[in-house]
């Protein structure tokens, strides 16, 4: 299978299997969860310092 014209024009790497896509999505969701947890901790410590 070769990349379509749209994929060539967009310059995005051609992902031919869905397993990679699902793994990337899982990594992204884990990253977002970790980031939200970190921001919550930072806001909590900032609140404690203000008081």
Protein backbone atom coordinates (compact mmCIF):
# COMPACT_ATOMS: atom_id res chain seq x y z
CA UNK A 1 0.00 0.00 0.00
CA UNK A 2 1.33 3.44 -0.87
CA UNK A 3 0.34 6.76 0.69
CA UNK A 4 -2.48 8.72 -0.92
CA UNK A 5 -2.03 12.15 -2.51
CA UNK A 6 -3.59 13.92 0.49
CA UNK A 7 -1.14 12.24 2.87
CA UNK A 8 1.75 13.21 0.60
CA UNK A 9 0.57 16.84 0.44
CA UNK A 10 -0.05 17.11 4.18
CA UNK A 11 3.45 15.83 4.90
CA UNK A 12 2.22 13.56 7.67
CA UNK A 13 3.89 10.17 8.05
CA UNK A 14 1.83 7.37 6.56
CA UNK A 15 0.40 5.14 9.29
CA UNK A 16 -0.71 1.90 7.68
CA UNK A 17 -1.67 -0.13 10.76
CA UNK A 18 -4.32 0.79 13.32
CA UNK A 19 -2.33 -0.76 16.18
CA UNK A 20 0.16 2.11 16.08
CA UNK A 21 -2.70 4.63 16.05
CA UNK A 22 -4.40 3.03 19.06
CA UNK A 23 -1.10 2.90 20.93
CA UNK A 24 -0.44 6.56 20.16
CA UNK A 25 -3.94 7.46 21.37
CA UNK A 26 -3.35 5.53 24.60
CA UNK A 27 -0.01 7.29 25.16
CA UNK A 28 -1.67 10.65 24.49
CA UNK A 29 -4.49 9.97 26.98
CA UNK A 30 -1.95 8.88 29.61
CA UNK A 31 0.06 12.05 28.99
CA UNK A 32 -3.06 14.23 29.32
CA UNK A 33 -4.04 12.46 32.55
CA UNK A 34 -0.54 12.95 34.01
CA UNK A 35 -0.51 16.60 32.93
CA UNK A 36 -3.90 17.31 34.53
CA UNK A 37 -2.75 15.63 37.75
CA UNK A 38 0.44 17.70 37.75
CA UNK A 39 -1.45 20.97 37.16
CA UNK A 40 -3.85 20.08 39.99
CA UNK A 41 -0.91 19.48 42.35
CA UNK A 42 0.69 22.79 41.32
CA UNK A 43 -2.54 24.73 41.89
CA UNK A 44 -2.98 23.03 45.27
CA UNK A 45 0.55 23.92 46.43
CA UNK A 46 0.09 27.49 45.17
CA UNK A 47 -3.12 27.77 47.20
CA UNK A 48 -1.36 26.45 50.32
CA UNK A 49 1.47 28.97 49.89
CA UNK A 50 -0.95 31.89 49.52
CA UNK A 51 -2.68 31.08 52.83
